[in-house]
Amino acid sequence: MRAKSEKTVRQTFYSSERTATTALFPDLRRYEQGLIAGIGGSFKKMSVEARYEYSNGFLLSKQLGSGFDRYSLLVGYRLH
């Protein structure tokens, strides 16, 4: 599937109308690279897991910042 990112600008001045379609994000990456790492463990009925996720995003432009850094802490408890 190919991403479609375009913008259309319509300008009307009296009876004259002008339409222009251009690329909204001309520098899209075809693939996004990412990394996920985690560590966890359990003791009796409790479990804990820590994760780190990183992605560079689909946009090449650094100003828009489509990538992310994410930290997660998951805590679990078994009822049985």
PDB file of N, CA and C in Angstrom:
ATOM      1  N   MET A   1       0.842  -1.180   0.000  1.00  0.00           N
ATOM      2  CA  MET A   1       0.000   0.000   0.000  1.00  0.00           C
ATOM      3  C   MET A   1       0.887   1.243   0.000  1.00  0.00           C
ATOM      4  N   ARG A   2       0.635   2.129  -0.865  1.00  0.00           N
ATOM      5  CA  ARG A   2       1.423   3.353  -0.987  1.00  0.00           C
ATOM      6  C   ARG A   2       0.696   4.487  -0.271  1.00  0.00           C
ATOM      7  N   ALA A   3       1.421   5.221   0.557  1.00  0.00           N
ATOM      8  CA  ALA A   3       0.830   6.349   1.274  1.00  0.00           C
ATOM      9  C   ALA A   3       0.536   7.488   0.311  1.00  0.00           C
ATOM     10  N   LYS A   4      -0.576   8.138   0.525  1.00  0.00           N
ATOM     11  CA  LYS A   4      -0.958   9.266  -0.322  1.00  0.00           C
ATOM     12  C   LYS A   4      -1.030  10.501   0.574  1.00  0.00           C
ATOM     13  N   SER A   5      -0.163  11.443   0.308  1.00  0.00           N
ATOM     14  CA  SER A   5      -0.170  12.677   1.091  1.00  0.00           C
ATOM     15  C   SER A   5      -0.117  13.854   0.123  1.00  0.00           C
ATOM     16  N   GLU A   6      -1.225  14.502  -0.005  1.00  0.00           N
ATOM     17  CA  GLU A   6      -1.268  15.645  -0.898  1.00  0.00           C
ATOM     18  C   GLU A   6      -2.212  16.692  -0.329  1.00  0.00           C
ATOM     19  N   LYS A   7      -2.009  17.910  -0.764  1.00  0.00           N
ATOM     20  CA  LYS A   7      -2.900  18.991  -0.360  1.00  0.00           C
ATOM     21  C   LYS A   7      -3.431  19.667  -1.614  1.00  0.00           C
ATOM     22  N   THR A   8      -4.665  20.096  -1.527  1.00  0.00           N
ATOM     23  CA  THR A   8      -5.307  20.773  -2.639  1.00  0.00           C
ATOM     24  C   THR A   8      -5.735  22.156  -2.177  1.00  0.00           C
ATOM     25  N   VAL A   9      -5.311  23.163  -2.905  1.00  0.00           N
ATOM     26  CA  VAL A   9      -5.653  24.546  -2.582  1.00  0.00           C
ATOM     27  C   VAL A   9      -6.528  25.085  -3.705  1.00  0.00           C
ATOM     28  N   ARG A  10      -7.705  25.573  -3.335  1.00  0.00           N
ATOM     29  CA  ARG A  10      -8.619  26.179  -4.312  1.00  0.00           C
ATOM     30  C   ARG A  10      -8.761  27.656  -3.998  1.00  0.00           C
ATOM     31  N   GLN A  11      -8.476  28.463  -4.979  1.00  0.00           N
ATOM     32  CA  GLN A  11      -8.594  29.906  -4.823  1.00  0.00           C
ATOM     33  C   GLN A  11      -9.639  30.423  -5.801  1.00  0.00           C
ATOM     34  N   THR A  12     -10.568  31.213  -5.282  1.00  0.00           N
ATOM     35  CA  THR A  12     -11.608  31.794  -6.128  1.00  0.00           C
ATOM     36  C   THR A  12     -11.512  33.312  -6.029  1.00  0.00           C
ATOM     37  N   PHE A  13     -11.426  33.936  -7.167  1.00  0.00           N
ATOM     38  CA  PHE A  13     -11.387  35.393  -7.251  1.00  0.00           C
ATOM     39  C   PHE A  13     -12.420  35.810  -8.286  1.00  0.00           C
ATOM     40  N   TYR A  14     -13.523  36.325  -7.793  1.00  0.00           N
ATOM     41  CA  TYR A  14     -14.684  36.640  -8.631  1.00  0.00           C
ATOM     42  C   TYR A  14     -15.117  35.381  -9.376  1.00  0.00           C
ATOM     43  N   SER A  15     -15.087  35.349 -10.676  1.00  0.00           N
ATOM     44  CA  SER A  15     -15.547  34.165 -11.401  1.00  0.00           C
ATOM     45  C   SER A  15     -14.393  33.238 -11.798  1.00  0.00           C
ATOM     46  N   SER A  16     -13.188  33.620 -11.457  1.00  0.00           N
ATOM     47  CA  SER A  16     -12.020  32.822 -11.795  1.00  0.00           C
ATOM     48  C   SER A  16     -11.664  31.893 -10.623  1.00  0.00           C
ATOM     49  N   GLU A  17     -11.470  30.617 -10.936  1.00  0.00           N
ATOM     50  CA  GLU A  17     -11.089  29.658  -9.900  1.00  0.00           C
ATOM     51  C   GLU A  17      -9.809  28.951 -10.298  1.00  0.00           C
ATOM     52  N   ARG A  18      -8.889  28.836  -9.336  1.00  0.00           N
ATOM     53  CA  ARG A  18      -7.605  28.181  -9.583  1.00  0.00           C
ATOM     54  C   ARG A  18      -7.431  27.067  -8.547  1.00  0.00           C
ATOM     55  N   THR A  19      -7.050  25.879  -9.011  1.00  0.00           N
ATOM     56  CA  THR A  19      -6.837  24.734  -8.136  1.00  0.00           C
ATOM     57  C   THR A  19      -5.415  24.230  -8.313  1.00  0.00           C
ATOM     58  N   ALA A  20      -4.740  23.990  -7.191  1.00  0.00           N
ATOM     59  CA  ALA A  20      -3.367  23.470  -7.232  1.00  0.00           C
ATOM     60  C   ALA A  20      -3.256  22.305  -6.254  1.00  0.00           C
ATOM     61  N   THR A  21      -2.729  21.189  -6.715  1.00  0.00           N
ATOM     62  CA  THR A  21      -2.509  20.016  -5.877  1.00  0.00           C
ATOM     63  C   THR A  21      -1.009  19.750  -5.804  1.00  0.00           C
ATOM     64  N   THR A  22      -0.492  19.698  -4.582  1.00  0.00           N
ATOM     65  CA  THR A  22       0.930  19.439  -4.360  1.00  0.00           C
ATOM     66  C   THR A  22       1.087  18.385  -3.273  1.00  0.00           C
ATOM     67  N   ALA A  23       2.293  17.872  -3.145  1.00  0.00           N
ATOM     68  CA  ALA A  23       2.585  16.872  -2.115  1.00  0.00           C
ATOM     69  C   ALA A  23       2.629  17.549  -0.747  1.00  0.00           C
ATOM     70  N   LEU A  24       1.944  16.978   0.220  1.00  0.00           N
ATOM     71  CA  LEU A  24       1.942  17.508   1.569  1.00  0.00           C
ATOM     72  C   LEU A  24       3.250  17.155   2.278  1.00  0.00           C
ATOM     73  N   PHE A  25       3.663  15.904   2.167  1.00  0.00           N
ATOM     74  CA  PHE A  25       4.929  15.432   2.720  1.00  0.00           C
ATOM     75  C   PHE A  25       5.711  14.788   1.583  1.00  0.00           C
ATOM     76  N   PRO A  26       6.529  15.534   0.860  1.00  0.00           N
ATOM     77  CA  PRO A  26       7.211  14.961  -0.299  1.00  0.00           C
ATOM     78  C   PRO A  26       8.315  13.966   0.062  1.00  0.00           C
ATOM     79  N   ASP A  27       8.755  13.962   1.300  1.00  0.00           N
ATOM     80  CA  ASP A  27       9.884  13.110   1.681  1.00  0.00           C
ATOM     81  C   ASP A  27       9.472  12.028   2.682  1.00  0.00           C
ATOM     82  N   LEU A  28       8.523  11.168   2.296  1.00  0.00           N
ATOM     83  CA  LEU A  28       8.114  10.053   3.144  1.00  0.00           C
ATOM     84  C   LEU A  28       9.046   8.866   2.959  1.00  0.00           C
ATOM     85  N   ARG A  29       9.363   8.205   4.061  1.00  0.00           N
ATOM     86  CA  ARG A  29      10.111   6.951   3.980  1.00  0.00           C
ATOM     87  C   ARG A  29       9.148   5.843   3.584  1.00  0.00           C
ATOM     88  N   ARG A  30       9.657   4.867   2.909  1.00  0.00           N
ATOM     89  CA  ARG A  30       8.811   3.737   2.535  1.00  0.00           C
ATOM     90  C   ARG A  30       8.623   2.791   3.720  1.00  0.00           C
ATOM     91  N   TYR A  31       9.648   2.690   4.576  1.00  0.00           N
ATOM     92  CA  TYR A  31       9.576   1.846   5.766  1.00  0.00           C
ATOM     93  C   TYR A  31      10.035   2.644   6.975  1.00  0.00           C
ATOM     94  N   GLU A  32       9.495   2.288   8.106  1.00  0.00           N
ATOM     95  CA  GLU A  32       9.887   2.904   9.372  1.00  0.00           C
ATOM     96  C   GLU A  32      10.729   1.889  10.142  1.00  0.00           C
ATOM     97  N   GLN A  33      11.869   2.315  10.658  1.00  0.00           N
ATOM     98  CA  GLN A  33      12.711   1.428  11.440  1.00  0.00           C
ATOM     99  C   GLN A  33      12.433   1.666  12.922  1.00  0.00           C
ATOM    100  N   GLY A  34      12.458   0.592  13.688  1.00  0.00           N
ATOM    101  CA  GLY A  34      12.200   0.709  15.113  1.00  0.00           C
ATOM    102  C   GLY A  34      12.955  -0.346  15.891  1.00  0.00           C
ATOM    103  N   LEU A  35      12.993  -0.142  17.183  1.00  0.00           N
ATOM    104  CA  LEU A  35      13.689  -1.045  18.097  1.00  0.00           C
ATOM    105  C   LEU A  35      12.848  -1.171  19.354  1.00  0.00           C
ATOM    106  N   ILE A  36      12.726  -2.381  19.859  1.00  0.00           N
ATOM    107  CA  ILE A  36      12.055  -2.591  21.136  1.00  0.00           C
ATOM    108  C   ILE A  36      12.916  -3.530  21.970  1.00  0.00           C
ATOM    109  N   ALA A  37      13.089  -3.179  23.220  1.00  0.00           N
ATOM    110  CA  ALA A  37      13.872  -3.999  24.144  1.00  0.00           C
ATOM    111  C   ALA A  37      13.135  -4.030  25.472  1.00  0.00           C
ATOM    112  N   GLY A  38      13.224  -5.143  26.156  1.00  0.00           N
ATOM    113  CA  GLY A  38      12.529  -5.241  27.428  1.00  0.00           C
ATOM    114  C   GLY A  38      13.151  -6.290  28.322  1.00  0.00           C
ATOM    115  N   ILE A  39      12.816  -6.170  29.586  1.00  0.00           N
ATOM    116  CA  ILE A  39      13.255  -7.133  30.579  1.00  0.00           C
ATOM    117  C   ILE A  39      12.128  -7.282  31.591  1.00  0.00           C
ATOM    118  N   GLY A  40      11.966  -8.480  32.096  1.00  0.00           N
ATOM    119  CA  GLY A  40      10.884  -8.703  33.041  1.00  0.00           C
ATOM    120  C   GLY A  40      11.125  -9.938  33.874  1.00  0.00           C
ATOM    121  N   GLY A  41      10.250 -10.110  34.828  1.00  0.00           N
ATOM    122  CA  GLY A  41      10.353 -11.265  35.696  1.00  0.00           C
ATOM    123  C   GLY A  41       9.091 -11.433  36.512  1.00  0.00           C
ATOM    124  N   SER A  42       9.007 -12.557  37.211  1.00  0.00           N
ATOM    125  CA  SER A  42       7.841 -12.804  38.049  1.00  0.00           C
ATOM    126  C   SER A  42       8.280 -13.436  39.362  1.00  0.00           C
ATOM    127  N   PHE A  43       7.470 -13.186  40.379  1.00  0.00           N
ATOM    128  CA  PHE A  43       7.710 -13.742  41.704  1.00  0.00           C
ATOM    129  C   PHE A  43       6.349 -14.027  42.321  1.00  0.00           C
ATOM    130  N   LYS A  44       6.116 -15.282  42.632  1.00  0.00           N
ATOM    131  CA  LYS A  44       4.823 -15.749  43.138  1.00  0.00           C
ATOM    132  C   LYS A  44       3.712 -15.313  42.188  1.00  0.00           C
ATOM    133  N   LYS A  45       2.801 -14.448  42.606  1.00  0.00           N
ATOM    134  CA  LYS A  45       1.683 -14.042  41.751  1.00  0.00           C
ATOM    135  C   LYS A  45       1.917 -12.700  41.049  1.00  0.00           C
ATOM    136  N   MET A  46       3.049 -12.085  41.276  1.00  0.00           N
ATOM    137  CA  MET A  46       3.343 -10.765  40.694  1.00  0.00           C
ATOM    138  C   MET A  46       4.282 -10.913  39.498  1.00  0.00           C
ATOM    139  N   SER A  47       4.110 -10.041  38.524  1.00  0.00           N
ATOM    140  CA  SER A  47       5.037  -9.969  37.400  1.00  0.00           C
ATOM    141  C   SER A  47       5.283  -8.505  37.048  1.00  0.00           C
ATOM    142  N   VAL A  48       6.492  -8.231  36.580  1.00  0.00           N
ATOM    143  CA  VAL A  48       6.887  -6.868  36.223  1.00  0.00           C
ATOM    144  C   VAL A  48       7.689  -6.943  34.931  1.00  0.00           C
ATOM    145  N   GLU A  49       7.430  -5.994  34.041  1.00  0.00           N
ATOM    146  CA  GLU A  49       8.170  -5.922  32.787  1.00  0.00           C
ATOM    147  C   GLU A  49       8.431  -4.461  32.453  1.00  0.00           C
ATOM    148  N   ALA A  50       9.656  -4.158  32.057  1.00  0.00           N
ATOM    149  CA  ALA A  50      10.023  -2.810  31.616  1.00  0.00           C
ATOM    150  C   ALA A  50      10.385  -2.888  30.141  1.00  0.00           C
ATOM    151  N   ARG A  51       9.891  -1.926  29.359  1.00  0.00           N
ATOM    152  CA  ARG A  51      10.139  -1.914  27.916  1.00  0.00           C
ATOM    153  C   ARG A  51      10.625  -0.543  27.476  1.00  0.00           C
ATOM    154  N   TYR A  52      11.410  -0.567  26.403  1.00  0.00           N
ATOM    155  CA  TYR A  52      11.848   0.660  25.741  1.00  0.00           C
ATOM    156  C   TYR A  52      11.569   0.496  24.254  1.00  0.00           C
ATOM    157  N   GLU A  53      10.932   1.490  23.634  1.00  0.00           N
ATOM    158  CA  GLU A  53      10.636   1.462  22.203  1.00  0.00           C
ATOM    159  C   GLU A  53      11.188   2.715  21.552  1.00  0.00           C
ATOM    160  N   TYR A  54      11.766   2.549  20.375  1.00  0.00           N
ATOM    161  CA  TYR A  54      12.306   3.669  19.604  1.00  0.00           C
ATOM    162  C   TYR A  54      11.897   3.505  18.148  1.00  0.00           C
ATOM    163  N   SER A  55      11.551   4.619  17.521  1.00  0.00           N
ATOM    164  CA  SER A  55      11.217   4.614  16.101  1.00  0.00           C
ATOM    165  C   SER A  55      11.723   5.896  15.472  1.00  0.00           C
ATOM    166  N   ASN A  56      12.197   5.799  14.211  1.00  0.00           N
ATOM    167  CA  ASN A  56      12.661   7.005  13.528  1.00  0.00           C
ATOM    168  C   ASN A  56      11.544   7.699  12.762  1.00  0.00           C
ATOM    169  N   GLY A  57      10.389   7.076  12.612  1.00  0.00           N
ATOM    170  CA  GLY A  57       9.245   7.703  11.967  1.00  0.00           C
ATOM    171  C   GLY A  57       9.277   7.606  10.454  1.00  0.00           C
ATOM    172  N   PHE A  58       8.167   7.970   9.833  1.00  0.00           N
ATOM    173  CA  PHE A  58       8.043   7.898   8.381  1.00  0.00           C
ATOM    174  C   PHE A  58       8.525   9.152   7.680  1.00  0.00           C
ATOM    175  N   LEU A  59       8.611  10.258   8.385  1.00  0.00           N
ATOM    176  CA  LEU A  59       9.000  11.515   7.749  1.00  0.00           C
ATOM    177  C   LEU A  59      10.494  11.737   7.885  1.00  0.00           C
ATOM    178  N   LEU A  60      11.131  12.166   6.808  1.00  0.00           N
ATOM    179  CA  LEU A  60      12.560  12.477   6.846  1.00  0.00           C
ATOM    180  C   LEU A  60      12.819  13.811   7.523  1.00  0.00           C
ATOM    181  N   SER A  61      11.830  14.667   7.577  1.00  0.00           N
ATOM    182  CA  SER A  61      11.974  16.003   8.149  1.00  0.00           C
ATOM    183  C   SER A  61      12.096  15.925   9.672  1.00  0.00           C
ATOM    184  N   LYS A  62      13.153  16.491  10.223  1.00  0.00           N
ATOM    185  CA  LYS A  62      13.359  16.492  11.675  1.00  0.00           C
ATOM    186  C   LYS A  62      12.436  17.486  12.377  1.00  0.00           C
ATOM    187  N   GLN A  63      11.987  18.526  11.675  1.00  0.00           N
ATOM    188  CA  GLN A  63      11.142  19.548  12.293  1.00  0.00           C
ATOM    189  C   GLN A  63       9.779  18.988  12.688  1.00  0.00           C
ATOM    190  N   LEU A  64       9.258  18.027  11.954  1.00  0.00           N
ATOM    191  CA  LEU A  64       7.932  17.488  12.243  1.00  0.00           C
ATOM    192  C   LEU A  64       7.968  16.388  13.297  1.00  0.00           C
ATOM    193  N   GLY A  65       9.059  15.696  13.431  1.00  0.00           N
ATOM    194  CA  GLY A  65       9.247  14.722  14.498  1.00  0.00           C
ATOM    195  C   GLY A  65       8.210  13.612  14.541  1.00  0.00           C
ATOM    196  N   SER A  66       8.185  12.738  13.567  1.00  0.00           N
ATOM    197  CA  SER A  66       7.209  11.651  13.558  1.00  0.00           C
ATOM    198  C   SER A  66       7.705  10.420  14.318  1.00  0.00           C
ATOM    199  N   GLY A  67       8.956  10.394  14.709  1.00  0.00           N
ATOM    200  CA  GLY A  67       9.494   9.271  15.479  1.00  0.00           C
ATOM    201  C   GLY A  67       9.128   9.402  16.949  1.00  0.00           C
ATOM    202  N   PHE A  68       9.486   8.395  17.731  1.00  0.00           N
ATOM    203  CA  PHE A  68       9.174   8.454  19.153  1.00  0.00           C
ATOM    204  C   PHE A  68      10.158   7.643  19.977  1.00  0.00           C
ATOM    205  N   ASP A  69      10.265   7.984  21.245  1.00  0.00           N
ATOM    206  CA  ASP A  69      10.928   7.207  22.290  1.00  0.00           C
ATOM    207  C   ASP A  69       9.855   6.927  23.333  1.00  0.00           C
ATOM    208  N   ARG A  70       9.702   5.675  23.717  1.00  0.00           N
ATOM    209  CA  ARG A  70       8.636   5.339  24.643  1.00  0.00           C
ATOM    210  C   ARG A  70       9.168   4.371  25.700  1.00  0.00           C
ATOM    211  N   TYR A  71       8.821   4.630  26.939  1.00  0.00           N
ATOM    212  CA  TYR A  71       9.153   3.751  28.052  1.00  0.00           C
ATOM    213  C   TYR A  71       7.856   3.214  28.638  1.00  0.00           C
ATOM    214  N   SER A  72       7.844   1.925  28.999  1.00  0.00           N
ATOM    215  CA  SER A  72       6.648   1.322  29.584  1.00  0.00           C
ATOM    216  C   SER A  72       7.045   0.458  30.769  1.00  0.00           C
ATOM    217  N   LEU A  73       6.201   0.480  31.777  1.00  0.00           N
ATOM    218  CA  LEU A  73       6.367  -0.393  32.930  1.00  0.00           C
ATOM    219  C   LEU A  73       5.055  -1.130  33.104  1.00  0.00           C
ATOM    220  N   LEU A  74       5.080  -2.450  32.951  1.00  0.00           N
ATOM    221  CA  LEU A  74       3.875  -3.254  33.062  1.00  0.00           C
ATOM    222  C   LEU A  74       3.954  -4.081  34.330  1.00  0.00           C
ATOM    223  N   VAL A  75       2.900  -4.025  35.130  1.00  0.00           N
ATOM    224  CA  VAL A  75       2.826  -4.770  36.394  1.00  0.00           C
ATOM    225  C   VAL A  75       1.602  -5.672  36.305  1.00  0.00           C
ATOM    226  N   GLY A  76       1.779  -6.938  36.666  1.00  0.00           N
ATOM    227  CA  GLY A  76       0.676  -7.894  36.619  1.00  0.00           C
ATOM    228  C   GLY A  76       0.526  -8.648  37.913  1.00  0.00           C
ATOM    229  N   TYR A  77      -0.702  -9.110  38.155  1.00  0.00           N
ATOM    230  CA  TYR A  77      -1.004  -9.909  39.342  1.00  0.00           C
ATOM    231  C   TYR A  77      -1.972 -11.012  38.938  1.00  0.00           C
ATOM    232  N   ARG A  78      -1.617 -12.263  39.219  1.00  0.00           N
ATOM    233  CA  ARG A  78      -2.493 -13.406  38.903  1.00  0.00           C
ATOM    234  C   ARG A  78      -3.473 -13.630  40.051  1.00  0.00           C
ATOM    235  N   LEU A  79      -4.728 -13.848  39.699  1.00  0.00           N
ATOM    236  CA  LEU A  79      -5.764 -14.064  40.717  1.00  0.00           C
ATOM    237  C   LEU A  79      -5.814 -15.522  41.164  1.00  0.00           C
ATOM    238  N   HIS A  80      -5.423 -16.465  40.338  1.00  0.00           N
ATOM    239  CA  HIS A  80      -5.515 -17.893  40.684  1.00  0.00           C
ATOM    240  C   HIS A  80      -4.204 -18.386  41.228  1.00  0.00           C
TER     241      HIS A  80
END
